[in-house]
Amino acid sequence: EKQPGEVVVVIAVAAFHRKAAFAACEFVIDTLKETVPIWKKE
């Protein structure tokens, strides 16, 4: 259970250069939302 304002997911990505880190971080959250079996009750 989580309340409004509480953190539910954190993704941290490290690369030699920032551009790759930004692109990969977006890919990870988008793919996680599409494929990982996590459900929520609102």
ModelCIF file with pLDDT and N, C-alpha, C, O atoms, coordinates in Angstrom:
data_MODEL
#
_entry.id   MODEL 
#
_entity.id                         1 
_entity.type                       polymer 
_entity.pdbx_number_of_molecules   1 
#
_entity_poly.entity_id                      1 
_entity_poly.type                           'polypeptide(L)' 
_entity_poly.nstd_linkage                   no 
_entity_poly.nstd_monomer                   no 
_entity_poly.pdbx_seq_one_letter_code       EKQPGEVVVVIAVAAFHRKAAFAACEFVIDTLKETVPIWKKE 
_entity_poly.pdbx_seq_one_letter_code_can   EKQPGEVVVVIAVAAFHRKAAFAACEFVIDTLKETVPIWKKE 
_entity_poly.pdbx_strand_id                 A 
#
loop_
_entity_poly_seq.entity_id 
_entity_poly_seq.num 
_entity_poly_seq.mon_id 
_entity_poly_seq.hetero 
1 1  GLU n 
1 2  LYS n 
1 3  GLN n 
1 4  PRO n 
1 5  GLY n 
1 6  GLU n 
1 7  VAL n 
1 8  VAL n 
1 9  VAL n 
1 10 VAL n 
1 11 ILE n 
1 12 ALA n 
1 13 VAL n 
1 14 ALA n 
1 15 ALA n 
1 16 PHE n 
1 17 HIS n 
1 18 ARG n 
1 19 LYS n 
1 20 ALA n 
1 21 ALA n 
1 22 PHE n 
1 23 ALA n 
1 24 ALA n 
1 25 CYS n 
1 26 GLU n 
1 27 PHE n 
1 28 VAL n 
1 29 ILE n 
1 30 ASP n 
1 31 THR n 
1 32 LEU n 
1 33 LYS n 
1 34 GLU n 
1 35 THR n 
1 36 VAL n 
1 37 PRO n 
1 38 ILE n 
1 39 TRP n 
1 40 LYS n 
1 41 LYS n 
1 42 GLU n 
#
_struct_asym.id          A 
_struct_asym.entity_id   1 
#
loop_
_ma_qa_metric.id 
_ma_qa_metric.mode 
_ma_qa_metric.name 
_ma_qa_metric.software_group_id 
_ma_qa_metric.type 
1 global pLDDT . pLDDT 
2 local  pLDDT . pLDDT 
#
_ma_qa_metric_global.metric_id      1 
_ma_qa_metric_global.metric_value   96.17 
_ma_qa_metric_global.model_id       1 
_ma_qa_metric_global.ordinal_id     1 
#
loop_
_ma_qa_metric_local.label_asym_id 
_ma_qa_metric_local.label_comp_id 
_ma_qa_metric_local.label_seq_id 
_ma_qa_metric_local.metric_id 
_ma_qa_metric_local.metric_value 
_ma_qa_metric_local.model_id 
_ma_qa_metric_local.ordinal_id 
A GLU 1  2 98.00 1 1  
A LYS 2  2 98.00 1 2  
A GLN 3  2 98.00 1 3  
A PRO 4  2 98.00 1 4  
A GLY 5  2 97.00 1 5  
A GLU 6  2 98.00 1 6  
A VAL 7  2 98.00 1 7  
A VAL 8  2 98.00 1 8  
A VAL 9  2 98.00 1 9  
A VAL 10 2 98.00 1 10 
A ILE 11 2 98.00 1 11 
A ALA 12 2 98.00 1 12 
A VAL 13 2 98.00 1 13 
A ALA 14 2 97.00 1 14 
A ALA 15 2 96.00 1 15 
A PHE 16 2 96.00 1 16 
A HIS 17 2 93.00 1 17 
A ARG 18 2 93.00 1 18 
A LYS 19 2 95.00 1 19 
A ALA 20 2 96.00 1 20 
A ALA 21 2 96.00 1 21 
A PHE 22 2 97.00 1 22 
A ALA 23 2 97.00 1 23 
A ALA 24 2 97.00 1 24 
A CYS 25 2 97.00 1 25 
A GLU 26 2 97.00 1 26 
A PHE 27 2 98.00 1 27 
A VAL 28 2 98.00 1 28 
A ILE 29 2 97.00 1 29 
A ASP 30 2 96.00 1 30 
A THR 31 2 97.00 1 31 
A LEU 32 2 96.00 1 32 
A LYS 33 2 92.00 1 33 
A GLU 34 2 93.00 1 34 
A THR 35 2 94.00 1 35 
A VAL 36 2 95.00 1 36 
A PRO 37 2 94.00 1 37 
A ILE 38 2 94.00 1 38 
A TRP 39 2 93.00 1 39 
A LYS 40 2 92.00 1 40 
A LYS 41 2 95.00 1 41 
A GLU 42 2 95.00 1 42 
#
loop_
_atom_site.group_PDB 
_atom_site.id 
_atom_site.type_symbol 
_atom_site.label_atom_id 
_atom_site.label_alt_id 
_atom_site.label_comp_id 
_atom_site.label_asym_id 
_atom_site.label_entity_id 
_atom_site.label_seq_id 
_atom_site.pdbx_PDB_ins_code 
_atom_site.Cartn_x 
_atom_site.Cartn_y 
_atom_site.Cartn_z 
_atom_site.occupancy 
_atom_site.B_iso_or_equiv 
_atom_site.pdbx_formal_charge 
_atom_site.auth_seq_id 
_atom_site.auth_comp_id 
_atom_site.auth_asym_id 
_atom_site.auth_atom_id 
_atom_site.pdbx_PDB_model_num 
ATOM 1   N N  . GLU A 1 1  ? 0.819  -1.220 0.000   1.00 98.00 ? 1  GLU A N  1 
ATOM 2   C CA . GLU A 1 1  ? 0.000  0.000  0.000   1.00 98.00 ? 1  GLU A CA 1 
ATOM 3   C C  . GLU A 1 1  ? 0.851  1.267  0.000   1.00 98.00 ? 1  GLU A C  1 
ATOM 4   O O  . GLU A 1 1  ? 1.843  1.368  0.721   1.00 98.00 ? 1  GLU A O  1 
ATOM 5   N N  . LYS A 1 2  ? 0.439  2.238  -0.828  1.00 98.00 ? 2  LYS A N  1 
ATOM 6   C CA . LYS A 1 2  ? 1.140  3.520  -0.917  1.00 98.00 ? 2  LYS A CA 1 
ATOM 7   C C  . LYS A 1 2  ? 0.134  4.668  -0.976  1.00 98.00 ? 2  LYS A C  1 
ATOM 8   O O  . LYS A 1 2  ? -0.947 4.536  -1.550  1.00 98.00 ? 2  LYS A O  1 
ATOM 9   N N  . GLN A 1 3  ? 0.505  5.776  -0.380  1.00 98.00 ? 3  GLN A N  1 
ATOM 10  C CA . GLN A 1 3  ? -0.320 6.983  -0.332  1.00 98.00 ? 3  GLN A CA 1 
ATOM 11  C C  . GLN A 1 3  ? 0.136  7.971  -1.411  1.00 98.00 ? 3  GLN A C  1 
ATOM 12  O O  . GLN A 1 3  ? 1.265  7.884  -1.895  1.00 98.00 ? 3  GLN A O  1 
ATOM 13  N N  . PRO A 1 4  ? -0.747 8.916  -1.791  1.00 98.00 ? 4  PRO A N  1 
ATOM 14  C CA . PRO A 1 4  ? -0.322 9.948  -2.748  1.00 98.00 ? 4  PRO A CA 1 
ATOM 15  C C  . PRO A 1 4  ? 0.965  10.640 -2.289  1.00 98.00 ? 4  PRO A C  1 
ATOM 16  O O  . PRO A 1 4  ? 1.123  11.003 -1.124  1.00 98.00 ? 4  PRO A O  1 
ATOM 17  N N  . GLY A 1 5  ? 1.868  10.805 -3.245  1.00 97.00 ? 5  GLY A N  1 
ATOM 18  C CA . GLY A 1 5  ? 3.162  11.429 -2.962  1.00 97.00 ? 5  GLY A CA 1 
ATOM 19  C C  . GLY A 1 5  ? 4.268  10.437 -2.650  1.00 97.00 ? 5  GLY A C  1 
ATOM 20  O O  . GLY A 1 5  ? 5.445  10.791 -2.718  1.00 97.00 ? 5  GLY A O  1 
ATOM 21  N N  . GLU A 1 6  ? 3.918  9.208  -2.310  1.00 98.00 ? 6  GLU A N  1 
ATOM 22  C CA . GLU A 1 6  ? 4.941  8.219  -1.990  1.00 98.00 ? 6  GLU A CA 1 
ATOM 23  C C  . GLU A 1 6  ? 5.568  7.646  -3.256  1.00 98.00 ? 6  GLU A C  1 
ATOM 24  O O  . GLU A 1 6  ? 4.920  7.553  -4.298  1.00 98.00 ? 6  GLU A O  1 
ATOM 25  N N  . VAL A 1 7  ? 6.824  7.268  -3.149  1.00 98.00 ? 7  VAL A N  1 
ATOM 26  C CA . VAL A 1 7  ? 7.580  6.705  -4.270  1.00 98.00 ? 7  VAL A CA 1 
ATOM 27  C C  . VAL A 1 7  ? 7.161  5.257  -4.499  1.00 98.00 ? 7  VAL A C  1 
ATOM 28  O O  . VAL A 1 7  ? 7.046  4.474  -3.556  1.00 98.00 ? 7  VAL A O  1 
ATOM 29  N N  . VAL A 1 8  ? 6.932  4.907  -5.791  1.00 98.00 ? 8  VAL A N  1 
ATOM 30  C CA . VAL A 1 8  ? 6.565  3.533  -6.121  1.00 98.00 ? 8  VAL A CA 1 
ATOM 31  C C  . VAL A 1 8  ? 7.574  2.856  -7.040  1.00 98.00 ? 8  VAL A C  1 
ATOM 32  O O  . VAL A 1 8  ? 7.643  1.628  -7.075  1.00 98.00 ? 8  VAL A O  1 
ATOM 33  N N  . VAL A 1 9  ? 8.348  3.627  -7.778  1.00 98.00 ? 9  VAL A N  1 
ATOM 34  C CA . VAL A 1 9  ? 9.367  3.036  -8.640  1.00 98.00 ? 9  VAL A CA 1 
ATOM 35  C C  . VAL A 1 9  ? 10.534 3.995  -8.776  1.00 98.00 ? 9  VAL A C  1 
ATOM 36  O O  . VAL A 1 9  ? 10.350 5.207  -8.896  1.00 98.00 ? 9  VAL A O  1 
ATOM 37  N N  . VAL A 1 10 ? 11.753 3.430  -8.757  1.00 98.00 ? 10 VAL A N  1 
ATOM 38  C CA . VAL A 1 10 ? 12.967 4.217  -9.018  1.00 98.00 ? 10 VAL A CA 1 
ATOM 39  C C  . VAL A 1 10 ? 13.814 3.422  -9.996  1.00 98.00 ? 10 VAL A C  1 
ATOM 40  O O  . VAL A 1 10 ? 14.076 2.232  -9.813  1.00 98.00 ? 10 VAL A O  1 
ATOM 41  N N  . ILE A 1 11 ? 14.233 4.125  -11.041 1.00 98.00 ? 11 ILE A N  1 
ATOM 42  C CA . ILE A 1 11 ? 15.128 3.542  -12.035 1.00 98.00 ? 11 ILE A CA 1 
ATOM 43  C C  . ILE A 1 11 ? 16.357 4.433  -12.086 1.00 98.00 ? 11 ILE A C  1 
ATOM 44  O O  . ILE A 1 11 ? 16.240 5.641  -12.287 1.00 98.00 ? 11 ILE A O  1 
ATOM 45  N N  . ALA A 1 12 ? 17.536 3.845  -11.905 1.00 98.00 ? 12 ALA A N  1 
ATOM 46  C CA . ALA A 1 12 ? 18.794 4.587  -11.984 1.00 98.00 ? 12 ALA A CA 1 
ATOM 47  C C  . ALA A 1 12 ? 19.650 3.944  -13.063 1.00 98.00 ? 12 ALA A C  1 
ATOM 48  O O  . ALA A 1 12 ? 19.844 2.729  -13.081 1.00 98.00 ? 12 ALA A O  1 
ATOM 49  N N  . VAL A 1 13 ? 20.157 4.779  -13.960 1.00 98.00 ? 13 VAL A N  1 
ATOM 50  C CA . VAL A 1 13 ? 20.951 4.309  -15.094 1.00 98.00 ? 13 VAL A CA 1 
ATOM 51  C C  . VAL A 1 13 ? 22.261 5.085  -15.127 1.00 98.00 ? 13 VAL A C  1 
ATOM 52  O O  . VAL A 1 13 ? 22.271 6.309  -14.992 1.00 98.00 ? 13 VAL A O  1 
ATOM 53  N N  . ALA A 1 14 ? 23.361 4.369  -15.305 1.00 97.00 ? 14 ALA A N  1 
ATOM 54  C CA . ALA A 1 14 ? 24.678 5.003  -15.383 1.00 97.00 ? 14 ALA A CA 1 
ATOM 55  C C  . ALA A 1 14 ? 25.322 4.688  -16.722 1.00 97.00 ? 14 ALA A C  1 
ATOM 56  O O  . ALA A 1 14 ? 25.257 3.564  -17.219 1.00 97.00 ? 14 ALA A O  1 
ATOM 57  N N  . ALA A 1 15 ? 25.948 5.717  -17.297 1.00 96.00 ? 15 ALA A N  1 
ATOM 58  C CA . ALA A 1 15 ? 26.648 5.578  -18.574 1.00 96.00 ? 15 ALA A CA 1 
ATOM 59  C C  . ALA A 1 15 ? 27.852 6.498  -18.565 1.00 96.00 ? 15 ALA A C  1 
ATOM 60  O O  . ALA A 1 15 ? 28.000 7.347  -17.686 1.00 96.00 ? 15 ALA A O  1 
ATOM 61  N N  . PHE A 1 16 ? 28.710 6.314  -19.559 1.00 96.00 ? 16 PHE A N  1 
ATOM 62  C CA . PHE A 1 16 ? 29.847 7.217  -19.669 1.00 96.00 ? 16 PHE A CA 1 
ATOM 63  C C  . PHE A 1 16 ? 29.385 8.628  -20.018 1.00 96.00 ? 16 PHE A C  1 
ATOM 64  O O  . PHE A 1 16 ? 30.027 9.608  -19.640 1.00 96.00 ? 16 PHE A O  1 
ATOM 65  N N  . HIS A 1 17 ? 28.258 8.727  -20.748 1.00 93.00 ? 17 HIS A N  1 
ATOM 66  C CA . HIS A 1 17 ? 27.751 10.024 -21.203 1.00 93.00 ? 17 HIS A CA 1 
ATOM 67  C C  . HIS A 1 17 ? 26.255 10.137 -20.922 1.00 93.00 ? 17 HIS A C  1 
ATOM 68  O O  . HIS A 1 17 ? 25.539 9.137  -20.944 1.00 93.00 ? 17 HIS A O  1 
ATOM 69  N N  . ARG A 1 18 ? 25.786 11.354 -20.660 1.00 93.00 ? 18 ARG A N  1 
ATOM 70  C CA . ARG A 1 18 ? 24.411 11.598 -20.231 1.00 93.00 ? 18 ARG A CA 1 
ATOM 71  C C  . ARG A 1 18 ? 23.357 11.199 -21.252 1.00 93.00 ? 18 ARG A C  1 
ATOM 72  O O  . ARG A 1 18 ? 22.293 10.712 -20.868 1.00 93.00 ? 18 ARG A O  1 
ATOM 73  N N  . LYS A 1 19 ? 23.616 11.389 -22.525 1.00 95.00 ? 19 LYS A N  1 
ATOM 74  C CA . LYS A 1 19 ? 22.602 11.126 -23.545 1.00 95.00 ? 19 LYS A CA 1 
ATOM 75  C C  . LYS A 1 19 ? 22.144 9.670  -23.499 1.00 95.00 ? 19 LYS A C  1 
ATOM 76  O O  . LYS A 1 19 ? 20.947 9.393  -23.569 1.00 95.00 ? 19 LYS A O  1 
ATOM 77  N N  . ALA A 1 20 ? 23.073 8.757  -23.383 1.00 96.00 ? 20 ALA A N  1 
ATOM 78  C CA . ALA A 1 20 ? 22.731 7.336  -23.296 1.00 96.00 ? 20 ALA A CA 1 
ATOM 79  C C  . ALA A 1 20 ? 21.944 7.046  -22.021 1.00 96.00 ? 20 ALA A C  1 
ATOM 80  O O  . ALA A 1 20 ? 21.002 6.254  -22.039 1.00 96.00 ? 20 ALA A O  1 
ATOM 81  N N  . ALA A 1 21 ? 22.325 7.684  -20.919 1.00 96.00 ? 21 ALA A N  1 
ATOM 82  C CA . ALA A 1 21 ? 21.631 7.464  -19.644 1.00 96.00 ? 21 ALA A CA 1 
ATOM 83  C C  . ALA A 1 21 ? 20.179 7.931  -19.729 1.00 96.00 ? 21 ALA A C  1 
ATOM 84  O O  . ALA A 1 21 ? 19.282 7.240  -19.246 1.00 96.00 ? 21 ALA A O  1 
ATOM 85  N N  . PHE A 1 22 ? 19.934 9.093  -20.336 1.00 97.00 ? 22 PHE A N  1 
ATOM 86  C CA . PHE A 1 22 ? 18.564 9.590  -20.490 1.00 97.00 ? 22 PHE A CA 1 
ATOM 87  C C  . PHE A 1 22 ? 17.733 8.643  -21.353 1.00 97.00 ? 22 PHE A C  1 
ATOM 88  O O  . PHE A 1 22 ? 16.622 8.273  -20.975 1.00 97.00 ? 22 PHE A O  1 
ATOM 89  N N  . ALA A 1 23 ? 18.260 8.256  -22.492 1.00 97.00 ? 23 ALA A N  1 
ATOM 90  C CA . ALA A 1 23 ? 17.518 7.395  -23.419 1.00 97.00 ? 23 ALA A CA 1 
ATOM 91  C C  . ALA A 1 23 ? 17.217 6.038  -22.787 1.00 97.00 ? 23 ALA A C  1 
ATOM 92  O O  . ALA A 1 23 ? 16.106 5.523  -22.914 1.00 97.00 ? 23 ALA A O  1 
ATOM 93  N N  . ALA A 1 24 ? 18.187 5.471  -22.118 1.00 97.00 ? 24 ALA A N  1 
ATOM 94  C CA . ALA A 1 24 ? 17.998 4.156  -21.500 1.00 97.00 ? 24 ALA A CA 1 
ATOM 95  C C  . ALA A 1 24 ? 16.990 4.220  -20.360 1.00 97.00 ? 24 ALA A C  1 
ATOM 96  O O  . ALA A 1 24 ? 16.181 3.307  -20.198 1.00 97.00 ? 24 ALA A O  1 
ATOM 97  N N  . CYS A 1 25 ? 17.029 5.273  -19.580 1.00 97.00 ? 25 CYS A N  1 
ATOM 98  C CA . CYS A 1 25 ? 16.098 5.406  -18.458 1.00 97.00 ? 25 CYS A CA 1 
ATOM 99  C C  . CYS A 1 25 ? 14.657 5.457  -18.968 1.00 97.00 ? 25 CYS A C  1 
ATOM 100 O O  . CYS A 1 25 ? 13.773 4.820  -18.396 1.00 97.00 ? 25 CYS A O  1 
ATOM 101 N N  . GLU A 1 26 ? 14.423 6.203  -20.028 1.00 97.00 ? 26 GLU A N  1 
ATOM 102 C CA . GLU A 1 26 ? 13.085 6.269  -20.606 1.00 97.00 ? 26 GLU A CA 1 
ATOM 103 C C  . GLU A 1 26 ? 12.664 4.899  -21.152 1.00 97.00 ? 26 GLU A C  1 
ATOM 104 O O  . GLU A 1 26 ? 11.527 4.472  -20.956 1.00 97.00 ? 26 GLU A O  1 
ATOM 105 N N  . PHE A 1 27 ? 13.570 4.228  -21.822 1.00 98.00 ? 27 PHE A N  1 
ATOM 106 C CA . PHE A 1 27 ? 13.290 2.886  -22.334 1.00 98.00 ? 27 PHE A CA 1 
ATOM 107 C C  . PHE A 1 27 ? 12.911 1.938  -21.191 1.00 98.00 ? 27 PHE A C  1 
ATOM 108 O O  . PHE A 1 27 ? 11.953 1.174  -21.313 1.00 98.00 ? 27 PHE A O  1 
ATOM 109 N N  . VAL A 1 28 ? 13.646 1.984  -20.100 1.00 98.00 ? 28 VAL A N  1 
ATOM 110 C CA . VAL A 1 28 ? 13.406 1.061  -18.985 1.00 98.00 ? 28 VAL A CA 1 
ATOM 111 C C  . VAL A 1 28 ? 12.018 1.277  -18.394 1.00 98.00 ? 28 VAL A C  1 
ATOM 112 O O  . VAL A 1 28 ? 11.283 0.308  -18.204 1.00 98.00 ? 28 VAL A O  1 
ATOM 113 N N  . ILE A 1 29 ? 11.636 2.520  -18.095 1.00 97.00 ? 29 ILE A N  1 
ATOM 114 C CA . ILE A 1 29 ? 10.316 2.734  -17.480 1.00 97.00 ? 29 ILE A CA 1 
ATOM 115 C C  . ILE A 1 29 ? 9.201  2.386  -18.458 1.00 97.00 ? 29 ILE A C  1 
ATOM 116 O O  . ILE A 1 29 ? 8.201  1.788  -18.061 1.00 97.00 ? 29 ILE A O  1 
ATOM 117 N N  . ASP A 1 30 ? 9.354  2.747  -19.721 1.00 96.00 ? 30 ASP A N  1 
ATOM 118 C CA . ASP A 1 30 ? 8.315  2.433  -20.704 1.00 96.00 ? 30 ASP A CA 1 
ATOM 119 C C  . ASP A 1 30 ? 8.149  0.927  -20.877 1.00 96.00 ? 30 ASP A C  1 
ATOM 120 O O  . ASP A 1 30 ? 7.024  0.432  -20.952 1.00 96.00 ? 30 ASP A O  1 
ATOM 121 N N  . THR A 1 31 ? 9.252  0.199  -20.941 1.00 97.00 ? 31 THR A N  1 
ATOM 122 C CA . THR A 1 31 ? 9.195  -1.249 -21.124 1.00 97.00 ? 31 THR A CA 1 
ATOM 123 C C  . THR A 1 31 ? 8.674  -1.936 -19.868 1.00 97.00 ? 31 THR A C  1 
ATOM 124 O O  . THR A 1 31 ? 7.910  -2.898 -19.955 1.00 97.00 ? 31 THR A O  1 
ATOM 125 N N  . LEU A 1 32 ? 9.080  -1.451 -18.715 1.00 96.00 ? 32 LEU A N  1 
ATOM 126 C CA . LEU A 1 32 ? 8.582  -1.997 -17.454 1.00 96.00 ? 32 LEU A CA 1 
ATOM 127 C C  . LEU A 1 32 ? 7.060  -1.899 -17.417 1.00 96.00 ? 32 LEU A C  1 
ATOM 128 O O  . LEU A 1 32 ? 6.383  -2.855 -17.038 1.00 96.00 ? 32 LEU A O  1 
ATOM 129 N N  . LYS A 1 33 ? 6.526  -0.757 -17.804 1.00 92.00 ? 33 LYS A N  1 
ATOM 130 C CA . LYS A 1 33 ? 5.071  -0.561 -17.792 1.00 92.00 ? 33 LYS A CA 1 
ATOM 131 C C  . LYS A 1 33 ? 4.365  -1.511 -18.755 1.00 92.00 ? 33 LYS A C  1 
ATOM 132 O O  . LYS A 1 33 ? 3.215  -1.885 -18.522 1.00 92.00 ? 33 LYS A O  1 
ATOM 133 N N  . GLU A 1 34 ? 5.028  -1.895 -19.812 1.00 93.00 ? 34 GLU A N  1 
ATOM 134 C CA . GLU A 1 34 ? 4.413  -2.767 -20.816 1.00 93.00 ? 34 GLU A CA 1 
ATOM 135 C C  . GLU A 1 34 ? 4.522  -4.252 -20.487 1.00 93.00 ? 34 GLU A C  1 
ATOM 136 O O  . GLU A 1 34 ? 3.635  -5.023 -20.852 1.00 93.00 ? 34 GLU A O  1 
ATOM 137 N N  . THR A 1 35 ? 5.589  -4.670 -19.805 1.00 94.00 ? 35 THR A N  1 
ATOM 138 C CA . THR A 1 35 ? 5.858  -6.103 -19.729 1.00 94.00 ? 35 THR A CA 1 
ATOM 139 C C  . THR A 1 35 ? 5.916  -6.723 -18.329 1.00 94.00 ? 35 THR A C  1 
ATOM 140 O O  . THR A 1 35 ? 5.787  -7.941 -18.203 1.00 94.00 ? 35 THR A O  1 
ATOM 141 N N  . VAL A 1 36 ? 6.103  -5.940 -17.298 1.00 95.00 ? 36 VAL A N  1 
ATOM 142 C CA . VAL A 1 36 ? 6.293  -6.526 -15.964 1.00 95.00 ? 36 VAL A CA 1 
ATOM 143 C C  . VAL A 1 36 ? 4.936  -6.761 -15.294 1.00 95.00 ? 36 VAL A C  1 
ATOM 144 O O  . VAL A 1 36 ? 4.113  -5.847 -15.238 1.00 95.00 ? 36 VAL A O  1 
ATOM 145 N N  . PRO A 1 37 ? 4.690  -7.979 -14.782 1.00 94.00 ? 37 PRO A N  1 
ATOM 146 C CA . PRO A 1 37 ? 3.396  -8.297 -14.171 1.00 94.00 ? 37 PRO A CA 1 
ATOM 147 C C  . PRO A 1 37 ? 3.232  -7.690 -12.777 1.00 94.00 ? 37 PRO A C  1 
ATOM 148 O O  . PRO A 1 37 ? 3.396  -8.353 -11.752 1.00 94.00 ? 37 PRO A O  1 
ATOM 149 N N  . ILE A 1 38 ? 2.905  -6.414 -12.791 1.00 94.00 ? 38 ILE A N  1 
ATOM 150 C CA . ILE A 1 38 ? 2.608  -5.674 -11.561 1.00 94.00 ? 38 ILE A CA 1 
ATOM 151 C C  . ILE A 1 38 ? 1.226  -5.069 -11.747 1.00 94.00 ? 38 ILE A C  1 
ATOM 152 O O  . ILE A 1 38 ? 0.928  -4.466 -12.778 1.00 94.00 ? 38 ILE A O  1 
ATOM 153 N N  . TRP A 1 39 ? 0.388  -5.241 -10.731 1.00 93.00 ? 39 TRP A N  1 
ATOM 154 C CA . TRP A 1 39 ? -0.974 -4.716 -10.783 1.00 93.00 ? 39 TRP A CA 1 
ATOM 155 C C  . TRP A 1 39 ? -1.185 -3.771 -9.623  1.00 93.00 ? 39 TRP A C  1 
ATOM 156 O O  . TRP A 1 39 ? -0.515 -3.864 -8.594  1.00 93.00 ? 39 TRP A O  1 
ATOM 157 N N  . LYS A 1 40 ? -2.134 -2.852 -9.804  1.00 92.00 ? 40 LYS A N  1 
ATOM 158 C CA . LYS A 1 40 ? -2.440 -1.952 -8.705  1.00 92.00 ? 40 LYS A CA 1 
ATOM 159 C C  . LYS A 1 40 ? -3.937 -1.846 -8.526  1.00 92.00 ? 40 LYS A C  1 
ATOM 160 O O  . LYS A 1 40 ? -4.715 -1.968 -9.472  1.00 92.00 ? 40 LYS A O  1 
ATOM 161 N N  . LYS A 1 41 ? -4.313 -1.617 -7.287  1.00 95.00 ? 41 LYS A N  1 
ATOM 162 C CA . LYS A 1 41 ? -5.704 -1.351 -6.951  1.00 95.00 ? 41 LYS A CA 1 
ATOM 163 C C  . LYS A 1 41 ? -5.758 0.108  -6.535  1.00 95.00 ? 41 LYS A C  1 
ATOM 164 O O  . LYS A 1 41 ? -5.068 0.537  -5.610  1.00 95.00 ? 41 LYS A O  1 
ATOM 165 N N  . GLU A 1 42 ? -6.591 0.856  -7.234  1.00 95.00 ? 42 GLU A N  1 
ATOM 166 C CA . GLU A 1 42 ? -6.756 2.279  -6.920  1.00 95.00 ? 42 GLU A CA 1 
ATOM 167 C C  . GLU A 1 42 ? -7.967 2.442  -6.005  1.00 95.00 ? 42 GLU A C  1 
ATOM 168 O O  . GLU A 1 42 ? -8.297 3.560  -5.611  1.00 95.00 ? 42 GLU A O  1 
#
